[in-house]
Amino acid sequence: MDLRLLRYFATVVSEGSFNRAAQRLHIAQPPLSRAIQNLEAQVGAPLLDRSCRPLRLTPTGKLLHTQALQILARMEDLEAMVKVAAGSERRRWVIGFVASTIYARLPELIREFRKEARSVELVLVEASTLDQIAALKEGRIDIGFGRIRFEDPAVRRIVLRKEKLIAAFPMSHPLARQQEPVSLHQLAGEPQIVYPRAPRPSYADQVISLFRDHAIEPKVVHEVRELQIAIGLVAAEEGMAIVPESVRNARSHDVAFRDLMEAATSPIIMSHRAGERSPELALMSAVIARKYRDWGYEVPTALISE
């Protein structure tokens, strides 16, 4: 999806009219109207109720608007990081991560690392686990945090811990009202929202395998790009999703979370180039070990030997 179209859409929503949005964007109104029509064609549904003044969002428009604001904010953060990198002479160290690890205490680890490595310019790059493997081998990132077990002799992978999986429901769902754990068999007929759509294998395959390990064929209705979109669709009552437990702390006002009866986990895996002995890697390993002890997590033996 074109970021330019998302910026145009967010501006139209903010201004409440095409005319004011065009003035703010310094473009003519007809091209702006065509751009929003192109975006609606990509989505496959109207985004704005043009019969109202000021303009109002349709249900699909509300969902896209929420996600668009998050994406645009992340791009602003990325642009700021790139500008800092361009003007900095400090040693550069790049961390790759999958989106769901942001909920699993990765920001706290990064903050602790920054405190002890002020001379290091830290760059964060969101990337799937498979993309991280290629980026490590090509030198585009220095360390990666993901969830998929993928072996490559050029990359060393350490399972930091296994995070419990839980079920996410719309607030209106009958199972959302019960407090006791739900079983996978109760979810057999529920419409499932899985992520990411690509590349595969991915966390989506972990969820599908979880059902199949219990002789259940999941009813997948949506395969989406990332966790935030999946949770947004759950809130929109499009289905339910199996997500890492840490997501519970990030979104609770319009999504209900319930434990699973069955033991189900997803690993959090740290990856780096085989044979890497950089001081930054040693420091990150030490930070993780120390914070894991503070949080009561078991510290992996392999991490201590880094």
C-alpha atoms as a PDB file:
ATOM      1  CA  MET A   1       0.000   0.000   0.000  1.00  0.00           C
ATOM      2  CA  ASP A   2       1.437   3.365  -1.061  1.00  0.00           C
ATOM      3  CA  LEU A   3       2.534   5.495   1.923  1.00  0.00           C
ATOM      4  CA  ARG A   4       1.693   8.630  -0.084  1.00  0.00           C
ATOM      5  CA  LEU A   5      -1.939   7.509  -0.306  1.00  0.00           C
ATOM      6  CA  LEU A   6      -2.037   6.793   3.420  1.00  0.00           C
ATOM      7  CA  ARG A   7      -0.704  10.303   4.137  1.00  0.00           C
ATOM      8  CA  TYR A   8      -3.336  11.819   1.853  1.00  0.00           C
ATOM      9  CA  PHE A   9      -6.069   9.755   3.536  1.00  0.00           C
ATOM     10  CA  ALA A  10      -4.940  10.731   7.054  1.00  0.00           C
ATOM     11  CA  THR A  11      -4.868  14.406   6.051  1.00  0.00           C
ATOM     12  CA  VAL A  12      -8.390  14.277   4.569  1.00  0.00           C
ATOM     13  CA  VAL A  13      -9.680  12.686   7.792  1.00  0.00           C
ATOM     14  CA  SER A  14      -7.855  15.261   9.914  1.00  0.00           C
ATOM     15  CA  GLU A  15      -9.204  18.241   7.922  1.00  0.00           C
ATOM     16  CA  GLY A  16     -12.695  16.811   7.395  1.00  0.00           C
ATOM     17  CA  SER A  17     -12.827  17.968   3.771  1.00  0.00           C
ATOM     18  CA  PHE A  18     -11.011  17.437   0.496  1.00  0.00           C
ATOM     19  CA  ASN A  19     -10.626  21.161  -0.103  1.00  0.00           C
ATOM     20  CA  ARG A  20      -8.847  21.929   3.180  1.00  0.00           C
ATOM     21  CA  ALA A  21      -6.750  18.766   2.894  1.00  0.00           C
ATOM     22  CA  ALA A  22      -5.634  19.739  -0.620  1.00  0.00           C
ATOM     23  CA  GLN A  23      -4.592  23.185   0.631  1.00  0.00           C
ATOM     24  CA  ARG A  24      -2.618  21.647   3.481  1.00  0.00           C
ATOM     25  CA  LEU A  25      -0.930  19.168   1.121  1.00  0.00           C
ATOM     26  CA  HIS A  26      -0.258  21.914  -1.476  1.00  0.00           C
ATOM     27  CA  ILE A  27      -1.941  19.977  -4.286  1.00  0.00           C
ATOM     28  CA  ALA A  28      -5.100  20.491  -6.335  1.00  0.00           C
ATOM     29  CA  GLN A  29      -8.326  18.898  -5.110  1.00  0.00           C
ATOM     30  CA  PRO A  30      -9.029  16.648  -8.169  1.00  0.00           C
ATOM     31  CA  PRO A  31      -5.727  14.702  -7.873  1.00  0.00           C
ATOM     32  CA  LEU A  32      -6.370  14.293  -4.140  1.00  0.00           C
ATOM     33  CA  SER A  33      -9.873  12.914  -4.802  1.00  0.00           C
ATOM     34  CA  ARG A  34      -8.465  10.478  -7.371  1.00  0.00           C
ATOM     35  CA  ALA A  35      -5.776   9.365  -4.921  1.00  0.00           C
ATOM     36  CA  ILE A  36      -8.398   8.507  -2.271  1.00  0.00           C
ATOM     37  CA  GLN A  37     -10.451   6.680  -4.907  1.00  0.00           C
ATOM     38  CA  ASN A  38      -7.341   4.655  -5.817  1.00  0.00           C
ATOM     39  CA  LEU A  39      -6.860   3.792  -2.154  1.00  0.00           C
ATOM     40  CA  GLU A  40     -10.505   2.682  -1.864  1.00  0.00           C
ATOM     41  CA  ALA A  41     -10.037   0.539  -4.976  1.00  0.00           C
ATOM     42  CA  GLN A  42      -7.012  -1.136  -3.368  1.00  0.00           C
ATOM     43  CA  VAL A  43      -8.921  -1.770  -0.129  1.00  0.00           C
ATOM     44  CA  GLY A  44     -12.060  -2.870  -1.962  1.00  0.00           C
ATOM     45  CA  ALA A  45     -14.485  -0.759   0.076  1.00  0.00           C
ATOM     46  CA  PRO A  46     -15.465   2.912   0.617  1.00  0.00           C
ATOM     47  CA  LEU A  47     -13.410   4.657   3.287  1.00  0.00           C
ATOM     48  CA  LEU A  48     -15.340   7.928   3.557  1.00  0.00           C
ATOM     49  CA  ASP A  49     -19.021   8.818   3.715  1.00  0.00           C
ATOM     50  CA  ARG A  50     -19.004  11.730   1.260  1.00  0.00           C
ATOM     51  CA  SER A  51     -22.656  12.585   1.941  1.00  0.00           C
ATOM     52  CA  CYS A  52     -21.733  14.055   5.338  1.00  0.00           C
ATOM     53  CA  ARG A  53     -20.140  17.407   6.112  1.00  0.00           C
ATOM     54  CA  PRO A  54     -17.604  17.153   7.593  1.00  0.00           C
ATOM     55  CA  LEU A  55     -16.657  13.848   5.979  1.00  0.00           C
ATOM     56  CA  ARG A  56     -17.160  10.748   8.115  1.00  0.00           C
ATOM     57  CA  LEU A  57     -15.259   7.487   8.147  1.00  0.00           C
ATOM     58  CA  THR A  58     -16.954   4.236   7.187  1.00  0.00           C
ATOM     59  CA  PRO A  59     -16.282   1.196   9.446  1.00  0.00           C
ATOM     60  CA  THR A  60     -13.553   0.081   7.025  1.00  0.00           C
ATOM     61  CA  GLY A  61     -12.226   3.632   6.965  1.00  0.00           C
ATOM     62  CA  LYS A  62     -11.967   3.690  10.779  1.00  0.00           C
ATOM     63  CA  LEU A  63      -9.928   0.480  10.762  1.00  0.00           C
ATOM     64  CA  LEU A  64      -7.591   1.721   8.025  1.00  0.00           C
ATOM     65  CA  HIS A  65      -7.253   5.161   9.631  1.00  0.00           C
ATOM     66  CA  THR A  66      -6.077   3.653  12.923  1.00  0.00           C
ATOM     67  CA  GLN A  67      -3.496   1.486  11.167  1.00  0.00           C
ATOM     68  CA  ALA A  68      -2.426   4.308   8.827  1.00  0.00           C
ATOM     69  CA  LEU A  69      -1.628   6.629  11.743  1.00  0.00           C
ATOM     70  CA  GLN A  70       0.522   3.925  13.345  1.00  0.00           C
ATOM     71  CA  ILE A  71       2.355   3.187  10.097  1.00  0.00           C
ATOM     72  CA  LEU A  72       3.004   6.872   9.377  1.00  0.00           C
ATOM     73  CA  ALA A  73       4.269   7.428  12.918  1.00  0.00           C
ATOM     74  CA  ARG A  74       6.657   4.507  12.532  1.00  0.00           C
ATOM     75  CA  MET A  75       7.921   5.925   9.244  1.00  0.00           C
ATOM     76  CA  GLU A  76       8.579   9.275  10.938  1.00  0.00           C
ATOM     77  CA  ASP A  77      10.576   7.459  13.618  1.00  0.00           C
ATOM     78  CA  LEU A  78      12.522   5.599  10.927  1.00  0.00           C
ATOM     79  CA  GLU A  79      13.279   8.825   9.036  1.00  0.00           C
ATOM     80  CA  ALA A  80      14.513  10.433  12.246  1.00  0.00           C
ATOM     81  CA  MET A  81      16.784   7.459  12.949  1.00  0.00           C
ATOM     82  CA  VAL A  82      18.189   7.567   9.419  1.00  0.00           C
ATOM     83  CA  LYS A  83      18.956  11.285   9.721  1.00  0.00           C
ATOM     84  CA  VAL A  84      20.753  10.684  13.008  1.00  0.00           C
ATOM     85  CA  ALA A  85      22.713   7.847  11.401  1.00  0.00           C
ATOM     86  CA  ALA A  86      23.711  10.013   8.441  1.00  0.00           C
ATOM     87  CA  GLY A  87      25.169  12.697  10.676  1.00  0.00           C
ATOM     88  CA  SER A  88      26.778  10.454  13.231  1.00  0.00           C
ATOM     89  CA  GLU A  89      30.322   9.153  13.420  1.00  0.00           C
ATOM     90  CA  ARG A  90      29.577   6.716  16.240  1.00  0.00           C
ATOM     91  CA  ARG A  91      29.878   2.974  15.799  1.00  0.00           C
ATOM     92  CA  ARG A  92      26.654   1.686  14.210  1.00  0.00           C
ATOM     93  CA  TRP A  93      24.886  -1.459  15.449  1.00  0.00           C
ATOM     94  CA  VAL A  94      21.688  -2.632  13.774  1.00  0.00           C
ATOM     95  CA  ILE A  95      18.960  -4.681  15.455  1.00  0.00           C
ATOM     96  CA  GLY A  96      16.345  -6.547  13.430  1.00  0.00           C
ATOM     97  CA  PHE A  97      13.079  -7.534  15.087  1.00  0.00           C
ATOM     98  CA  VAL A  98       9.668  -8.989  14.342  1.00  0.00           C
ATOM     99  CA  ALA A  99       6.789  -6.761  15.427  1.00  0.00           C
ATOM    100  CA  SER A 100       5.459  -9.037  18.173  1.00  0.00           C
ATOM    101  CA  THR A 101       8.749  -8.882  20.137  1.00  0.00           C
ATOM    102  CA  ILE A 102       8.045  -5.197  20.773  1.00  0.00           C
ATOM    103  CA  TYR A 103       5.341  -6.378  23.195  1.00  0.00           C
ATOM    104  CA  ALA A 104       7.668  -9.007  24.734  1.00  0.00           C
ATOM    105  CA  ARG A 105       9.925  -6.585  26.668  1.00  0.00           C
ATOM    106  CA  LEU A 106      12.346  -5.896  23.818  1.00  0.00           C
ATOM    107  CA  PRO A 107      12.025  -2.093  24.310  1.00  0.00           C
ATOM    108  CA  GLU A 108      13.172  -2.459  27.918  1.00  0.00           C
ATOM    109  CA  LEU A 109      16.232  -4.432  26.808  1.00  0.00           C
ATOM    110  CA  ILE A 110      17.058  -1.796  24.194  1.00  0.00           C
ATOM    111  CA  ARG A 111      16.741   1.035  26.734  1.00  0.00           C
ATOM    112  CA  GLU A 112      19.112  -0.783  29.091  1.00  0.00           C
ATOM    113  CA  PHE A 113      21.572  -1.386  26.257  1.00  0.00           C
ATOM    114  CA  ARG A 114      21.505   2.308  25.288  1.00  0.00           C
ATOM    115  CA  LYS A 115      22.352   3.344  28.861  1.00  0.00           C
ATOM    116  CA  GLU A 116      25.544   1.276  28.773  1.00  0.00           C
ATOM    117  CA  ALA A 117      26.547   1.892  25.145  1.00  0.00           C
ATOM    118  CA  ARG A 118      26.182   5.649  24.686  1.00  0.00           C
ATOM    119  CA  SER A 119      28.969   5.681  22.102  1.00  0.00           C
ATOM    120  CA  VAL A 120      27.054   3.200  19.922  1.00  0.00           C
ATOM    121  CA  GLU A 121      24.516   4.404  17.388  1.00  0.00           C
ATOM    122  CA  LEU A 122      21.644   1.929  17.617  1.00  0.00           C
ATOM    123  CA  VAL A 123      19.425   1.379  14.577  1.00  0.00           C
ATOM    124  CA  LEU A 124      16.201  -0.681  14.686  1.00  0.00           C
ATOM    125  CA  VAL A 125      14.812  -2.444  11.627  1.00  0.00           C
ATOM    126  CA  GLU A 126      11.529  -4.367  11.541  1.00  0.00           C
ATOM    127  CA  ALA A 127      12.015  -7.580   9.540  1.00  0.00           C
ATOM    128  CA  SER A 128      10.567 -11.074   9.400  1.00  0.00           C
ATOM    129  CA  THR A 129      12.667 -13.920  10.775  1.00  0.00           C
ATOM    130  CA  LEU A 130      13.565 -15.138   7.292  1.00  0.00           C
ATOM    131  CA  ASP A 131      14.549 -11.624   6.212  1.00  0.00           C
ATOM    132  CA  GLN A 132      16.688 -11.334   9.343  1.00  0.00           C
ATOM    133  CA  ILE A 133      18.658 -14.452   8.375  1.00  0.00           C
ATOM    134  CA  ALA A 134      19.506 -12.978   4.967  1.00  0.00           C
ATOM    135  CA  ALA A 135      20.262  -9.554   6.490  1.00  0.00           C
ATOM    136  CA  LEU A 136      22.651 -11.080   9.048  1.00  0.00           C
ATOM    137  CA  LYS A 137      24.542 -12.987   6.373  1.00  0.00           C
ATOM    138  CA  GLU A 138      24.775  -9.885   4.171  1.00  0.00           C
ATOM    139  CA  GLY A 139      25.855  -7.629   7.059  1.00  0.00           C
ATOM    140  CA  ARG A 140      22.779  -5.392   6.932  1.00  0.00           C
ATOM    141  CA  ILE A 141      21.888  -6.128  10.572  1.00  0.00           C
ATOM    142  CA  ASP A 142      24.045  -7.295  13.488  1.00  0.00           C
ATOM    143  CA  ILE A 143      21.503  -9.098  15.651  1.00  0.00           C
ATOM    144  CA  GLY A 144      17.926 -10.274  15.226  1.00  0.00           C
ATOM    145  CA  PHE A 145      14.969 -11.078  17.461  1.00  0.00           C
ATOM    146  CA  GLY A 146      12.325 -13.379  15.968  1.00  0.00           C
ATOM    147  CA  ARG A 147      10.037 -16.312  16.648  1.00  0.00           C
ATOM    148  CA  ILE A 148      10.655 -18.885  13.896  1.00  0.00           C
ATOM    149  CA  ARG A 149      13.149 -21.729  14.219  1.00  0.00           C
ATOM    150  CA  PHE A 150      15.210 -21.618  11.035  1.00  0.00           C
ATOM    151  CA  GLU A 151      18.609 -23.275  10.858  1.00  0.00           C
ATOM    152  CA  ASP A 152      21.515 -21.876   8.851  1.00  0.00           C
ATOM    153  CA  PRO A 153      25.182 -22.747   9.518  1.00  0.00           C
ATOM    154  CA  ALA A 154      26.161 -19.082   9.109  1.00  0.00           C
ATOM    155  CA  VAL A 155      23.799 -17.941  11.870  1.00  0.00           C
ATOM    156  CA  ARG A 156      23.743 -18.800  15.571  1.00  0.00           C
ATOM    157  CA  ARG A 157      20.305 -18.839  17.173  1.00  0.00           C
ATOM    158  CA  ILE A 158      19.518 -18.816  20.911  1.00  0.00           C
ATOM    159  CA  VAL A 159      16.024 -19.440  22.286  1.00  0.00           C
ATOM    160  CA  LEU A 160      15.738 -16.793  24.992  1.00  0.00           C
ATOM    161  CA  ARG A 161      12.412 -18.030  26.341  1.00  0.00           C
ATOM    162  CA  LYS A 162       9.099 -19.524  25.300  1.00  0.00           C
ATOM    163  CA  GLU A 163       6.130 -17.176  25.569  1.00  0.00           C
ATOM    164  CA  LYS A 164       2.677 -18.530  26.364  1.00  0.00           C
ATOM    165  CA  LEU A 165       0.018 -18.184  23.684  1.00  0.00           C
ATOM    166  CA  ILE A 166      -3.509 -16.943  24.440  1.00  0.00           C
ATOM    167  CA  ALA A 167      -6.773 -16.396  22.551  1.00  0.00           C
ATOM    168  CA  ALA A 168      -7.976 -12.928  21.501  1.00  0.00           C
ATOM    169  CA  PHE A 169     -11.711 -12.351  20.971  1.00  0.00           C
ATOM    170  CA  PRO A 170     -13.976  -9.420  20.114  1.00  0.00           C
ATOM    171  CA  MET A 171     -15.594  -8.056  23.267  1.00  0.00           C
ATOM    172  CA  SER A 172     -19.005  -9.204  21.988  1.00  0.00           C
ATOM    173  CA  HIS A 173     -17.976 -12.859  21.616  1.00  0.00           C
ATOM    174  CA  PRO A 174     -19.642 -15.316  24.044  1.00  0.00           C
ATOM    175  CA  LEU A 175     -16.276 -16.860  24.983  1.00  0.00           C
ATOM    176  CA  ALA A 176     -14.977 -13.388  25.867  1.00  0.00           C
ATOM    177  CA  ARG A 177     -17.377 -13.269  28.810  1.00  0.00           C
ATOM    178  CA  GLN A 178     -16.083 -16.378  30.569  1.00  0.00           C
ATOM    179  CA  GLN A 179     -13.091 -16.143  32.875  1.00  0.00           C
ATOM    180  CA  GLU A 180     -11.858 -19.734  32.710  1.00  0.00           C
ATOM    181  CA  PRO A 181      -9.408 -20.871  29.987  1.00  0.00           C
ATOM    182  CA  VAL A 182     -10.763 -21.946  26.599  1.00  0.00           C
ATOM    183  CA  SER A 183      -9.759 -25.112  24.770  1.00  0.00           C
ATOM    184  CA  LEU A 184      -8.627 -25.369  21.176  1.00  0.00           C
ATOM    185  CA  HIS A 185     -11.605 -27.657  20.536  1.00  0.00           C
ATOM    186  CA  GLN A 186     -13.929 -24.811  21.572  1.00  0.00           C
ATOM    187  CA  LEU A 187     -12.205 -22.720  18.897  1.00  0.00           C
ATOM    188  CA  ALA A 188     -12.478 -25.359  16.160  1.00  0.00           C
ATOM    189  CA  GLY A 189     -15.253 -23.581  14.271  1.00  0.00           C
ATOM    190  CA  GLU A 190     -14.184 -20.025  15.048  1.00  0.00           C
ATOM    191  CA  PRO A 191     -12.975 -17.830  12.154  1.00  0.00           C
ATOM    192  CA  GLN A 192      -9.222 -17.462  12.616  1.00  0.00           C
ATOM    193  CA  ILE A 193      -7.114 -14.412  11.762  1.00  0.00           C
ATOM    194  CA  VAL A 194      -3.452 -15.351  11.292  1.00  0.00           C
ATOM    195  CA  TYR A 195      -0.308 -13.350  10.567  1.00  0.00           C
ATOM    196  CA  PRO A 196       1.987 -12.688   8.838  1.00  0.00           C
ATOM    197  CA  ARG A 197       0.721 -13.464   5.368  1.00  0.00           C
ATOM    198  CA  ALA A 198       4.267 -13.720   3.952  1.00  0.00           C
ATOM    199  CA  PRO A 199       7.033 -14.800   3.918  1.00  0.00           C
ATOM    200  CA  ARG A 200       6.449 -18.370   5.031  1.00  0.00           C
ATOM    201  CA  PRO A 201       7.146 -20.319   7.185  1.00  0.00           C
ATOM    202  CA  SER A 202       6.052 -17.859   9.845  1.00  0.00           C
ATOM    203  CA  TYR A 203       4.199 -17.438  13.134  1.00  0.00           C
ATOM    204  CA  ALA A 204       1.016 -18.165  11.156  1.00  0.00           C
ATOM    205  CA  ASP A 205       2.301 -21.684  10.537  1.00  0.00           C
ATOM    206  CA  GLN A 206       2.970 -22.102  14.273  1.00  0.00           C
ATOM    207  CA  VAL A 207      -0.668 -21.319  15.007  1.00  0.00           C
ATOM    208  CA  ILE A 208      -1.989 -23.580  12.244  1.00  0.00           C
ATOM    209  CA  SER A 209       0.275 -26.415  13.447  1.00  0.00           C
ATOM    210  CA  LEU A 210      -0.961 -25.915  17.009  1.00  0.00           C
ATOM    211  CA  PHE A 211      -4.519 -26.694  15.891  1.00  0.00           C
ATOM    212  CA  ARG A 212      -3.472 -29.573  13.672  1.00  0.00           C
ATOM    213  CA  ASP A 213      -1.442 -31.143  16.482  1.00  0.00           C
ATOM    214  CA  HIS A 214      -4.798 -31.515  18.247  1.00  0.00           C
ATOM    215  CA  ALA A 215      -6.504 -32.963  15.150  1.00  0.00           C
ATOM    216  CA  ILE A 216      -8.296 -29.677  14.403  1.00  0.00           C
ATOM    217  CA  GLU A 217      -8.338 -28.023  11.000  1.00  0.00           C
ATOM    218  CA  PRO A 218      -8.501 -24.265  11.697  1.00  0.00           C
ATOM    219  CA  LYS A 219     -10.968 -22.099   9.804  1.00  0.00           C
ATOM    220  CA  VAL A 220      -8.664 -19.337   8.525  1.00  0.00           C
ATOM    221  CA  VAL A 221     -10.638 -16.357   7.188  1.00  0.00           C
ATOM    222  CA  HIS A 222      -7.899 -13.705   7.061  1.00  0.00           C
ATOM    223  CA  GLU A 223      -4.129 -13.849   6.572  1.00  0.00           C
ATOM    224  CA  VAL A 224      -2.748 -10.384   7.282  1.00  0.00           C
ATOM    225  CA  ARG A 225       0.646  -8.728   7.173  1.00  0.00           C
ATOM    226  CA  GLU A 226       1.276  -8.069  10.857  1.00  0.00           C
ATOM    227  CA  LEU A 227       0.061  -8.469  14.435  1.00  0.00           C
ATOM    228  CA  GLN A 228      -1.455  -4.988  14.764  1.00  0.00           C
ATOM    229  CA  ILE A 229      -3.717  -5.574  11.765  1.00  0.00           C
ATOM    230  CA  ALA A 230      -4.774  -8.971  13.134  1.00  0.00           C
ATOM    231  CA  ILE A 231      -5.746  -7.436  16.483  1.00  0.00           C
ATOM    232  CA  GLY A 232      -7.548  -4.608  14.682  1.00  0.00           C
ATOM    233  CA  LEU A 233      -9.622  -7.144  12.749  1.00  0.00           C
ATOM    234  CA  VAL A 234     -10.414  -8.989  15.985  1.00  0.00           C
ATOM    235  CA  ALA A 235     -11.679  -5.711  17.459  1.00  0.00           C
ATOM    236  CA  ALA A 236     -13.752  -5.222  14.290  1.00  0.00           C
ATOM    237  CA  GLU A 237     -15.433  -8.602  14.964  1.00  0.00           C
ATOM    238  CA  GLU A 238     -13.934 -10.250  11.876  1.00  0.00           C
ATOM    239  CA  GLY A 239     -12.754 -13.283  13.847  1.00  0.00           C
ATOM    240  CA  MET A 240     -10.409 -14.308  16.657  1.00  0.00           C
ATOM    241  CA  ALA A 241      -6.655 -14.848  16.851  1.00  0.00           C
ATOM    242  CA  ILE A 242      -4.049 -16.795  18.776  1.00  0.00           C
ATOM    243  CA  VAL A 243      -1.428 -14.305  19.985  1.00  0.00           C
ATOM    244  CA  PRO A 244       1.548 -14.130  22.386  1.00  0.00           C
ATOM    245  CA  GLU A 245       0.599 -13.377  25.982  1.00  0.00           C
ATOM    246  CA  SER A 246       2.506 -10.066  26.018  1.00  0.00           C
ATOM    247  CA  VAL A 247      -0.059  -8.585  23.602  1.00  0.00           C
ATOM    248  CA  ARG A 248      -2.575  -8.632  26.476  1.00  0.00           C
ATOM    249  CA  ASN A 249      -0.866  -5.602  28.042  1.00  0.00           C
ATOM    250  CA  ALA A 250      -0.947  -3.544  24.857  1.00  0.00           C
ATOM    251  CA  ARG A 251      -4.584  -3.797  23.737  1.00  0.00           C
ATOM    252  CA  SER A 252      -7.387  -4.464  26.214  1.00  0.00           C
ATOM    253  CA  HIS A 253     -10.040  -1.789  25.728  1.00  0.00           C
ATOM    254  CA  ASP A 254     -11.757  -3.478  22.770  1.00  0.00           C
ATOM    255  CA  VAL A 255     -10.305  -7.006  22.710  1.00  0.00           C
ATOM    256  CA  ALA A 256     -10.779  -9.763  25.306  1.00  0.00           C
ATOM    257  CA  PHE A 257      -7.936 -12.182  26.037  1.00  0.00           C
ATOM    258  CA  ARG A 258      -8.357 -15.676  27.484  1.00  0.00           C
ATOM    259  CA  ASP A 259      -5.831 -18.345  28.460  1.00  0.00           C
ATOM    260  CA  LEU A 260      -5.743 -21.634  26.582  1.00  0.00           C
ATOM    261  CA  MET A 261      -6.309 -24.949  28.354  1.00  0.00           C
ATOM    262  CA  GLU A 262      -3.635 -26.565  26.207  1.00  0.00           C
ATOM    263  CA  ALA A 263       0.042 -25.775  26.747  1.00  0.00           C
ATOM    264  CA  ALA A 264       1.018 -23.607  23.788  1.00  0.00           C
ATOM    265  CA  THR A 265       4.078 -21.374  23.433  1.00  0.00           C
ATOM    266  CA  SER A 266       5.987 -19.368  20.849  1.00  0.00           C
ATOM    267  CA  PRO A 267       9.772 -18.984  21.208  1.00  0.00           C
ATOM    268  CA  ILE A 268      11.593 -15.657  21.323  1.00  0.00           C
ATOM    269  CA  ILE A 269      14.871 -16.253  19.503  1.00  0.00           C
ATOM    270  CA  MET A 270      18.004 -14.120  19.332  1.00  0.00           C
ATOM    271  CA  SER A 271      20.139 -14.560  16.196  1.00  0.00           C
ATOM    272  CA  HIS A 272      23.612 -13.359  15.244  1.00  0.00           C
ATOM    273  CA  ARG A 273      26.359 -14.305  12.831  1.00  0.00           C
ATOM    274  CA  ALA A 274      28.196 -17.485  13.773  1.00  0.00           C
ATOM    275  CA  GLY A 275      31.576 -16.661  15.312  1.00  0.00           C
ATOM    276  CA  GLU A 276      30.610 -13.043  16.077  1.00  0.00           C
ATOM    277  CA  ARG A 277      32.592 -11.653  19.035  1.00  0.00           C
ATOM    278  CA  SER A 278      31.766  -7.945  18.965  1.00  0.00           C
ATOM    279  CA  PRO A 279      31.627  -5.950  22.225  1.00  0.00           C
ATOM    280  CA  GLU A 280      28.055  -4.908  21.381  1.00  0.00           C
ATOM    281  CA  LEU A 281      26.919  -8.541  21.162  1.00  0.00           C
ATOM    282  CA  ALA A 282      28.615  -9.324  24.480  1.00  0.00           C
ATOM    283  CA  LEU A 283      26.941  -6.309  26.092  1.00  0.00           C
ATOM    284  CA  MET A 284      23.491  -7.175  24.721  1.00  0.00           C
ATOM    285  CA  SER A 285      23.868 -10.753  25.982  1.00  0.00           C
ATOM    286  CA  ALA A 286      24.853  -9.475  29.424  1.00  0.00           C
ATOM    287  CA  VAL A 287      21.920  -7.015  29.479  1.00  0.00           C
ATOM    288  CA  ILE A 288      19.442  -9.758  28.573  1.00  0.00           C
ATOM    289  CA  ALA A 289      20.855 -12.133  31.202  1.00  0.00           C
ATOM    290  CA  ARG A 290      20.683  -9.446  33.908  1.00  0.00           C
ATOM    291  CA  LYS A 291      17.165  -8.279  33.060  1.00  0.00           C
ATOM    292  CA  TYR A 292      15.888 -11.852  32.766  1.00  0.00           C
ATOM    293  CA  ARG A 293      17.109 -12.504  36.314  1.00  0.00           C
ATOM    294  CA  ASP A 294      15.360  -9.309  37.477  1.00  0.00           C
ATOM    295  CA  TRP A 295      12.121 -10.439  35.807  1.00  0.00           C
ATOM    296  CA  GLY A 296      12.317 -13.981  37.141  1.00  0.00           C
ATOM    297  CA  TYR A 297      12.919 -15.599  33.732  1.00  0.00           C
ATOM    298  CA  GLU A 298      15.280 -18.514  33.322  1.00  0.00           C
ATOM    299  CA  VAL A 299      18.541 -17.366  31.713  1.00  0.00           C
ATOM    300  CA  PRO A 300      19.579 -19.596  28.785  1.00  0.00           C
ATOM    301  CA  THR A 301      22.956 -21.273  29.323  1.00  0.00           C
ATOM    302  CA  ALA A 302      23.973 -20.395  25.758  1.00  0.00           C
ATOM    303  CA  LEU A 303      23.390 -16.719  26.523  1.00  0.00           C
ATOM    304  CA  ILE A 304      25.798 -16.703  29.465  1.00  0.00           C
ATOM    305  CA  SER A 305      28.574 -18.136  27.278  1.00  0.00           C
ATOM    306  CA  GLU A 306      28.230 -15.352  24.680  1.00  0.00           C
END
